[in-house]
Amino acid sequence: MARALLLVGMLTMAATAKGTAGETVEIRINGRYFTAPATVEMVIAVQPNAANRTLRIEADGDQMYRSTEVTLEGEAEKRLHSVEFKNLPAGVYEVRAEVLSGTSVRGTATQELEVTGR
């Protein structure tokens, strides 16, 4: 699989949960800058909890929006989830991961990345 990717010092950038949910969800992406069309691989860490029902991951940019959802099995669910967004065009994106219960958002993490033109 050919993909061009510019890593800044090979650092893993992590975004932690916001709000009162504590360490409910975290985004881990290797790098912040990618070359278009980008394949962005990420790991989403979710703290298992009986109330967890859905993990929603979004890449929201000026010209492009992409999302995916994973059904969670509460306490029995694994902690780490691999997600890949392919062919992202140039632009600045906010990557957002939300853990949802049946009635509310339990935790949110965000991280910004940039896809540059050729």
Foldseek 3Di string as FASTA:
>chain_A
DDFFADADVQDWDKWAWDDDLHRQKMKTWRHFEGAFQHKTKIKMFGQAAQQFFKKKKWWDWPVDIDIDMDGARGNPGDGIDMDIDGGHGFTKTKIKIFTHGPPGTSIMTIDIHGYHYD
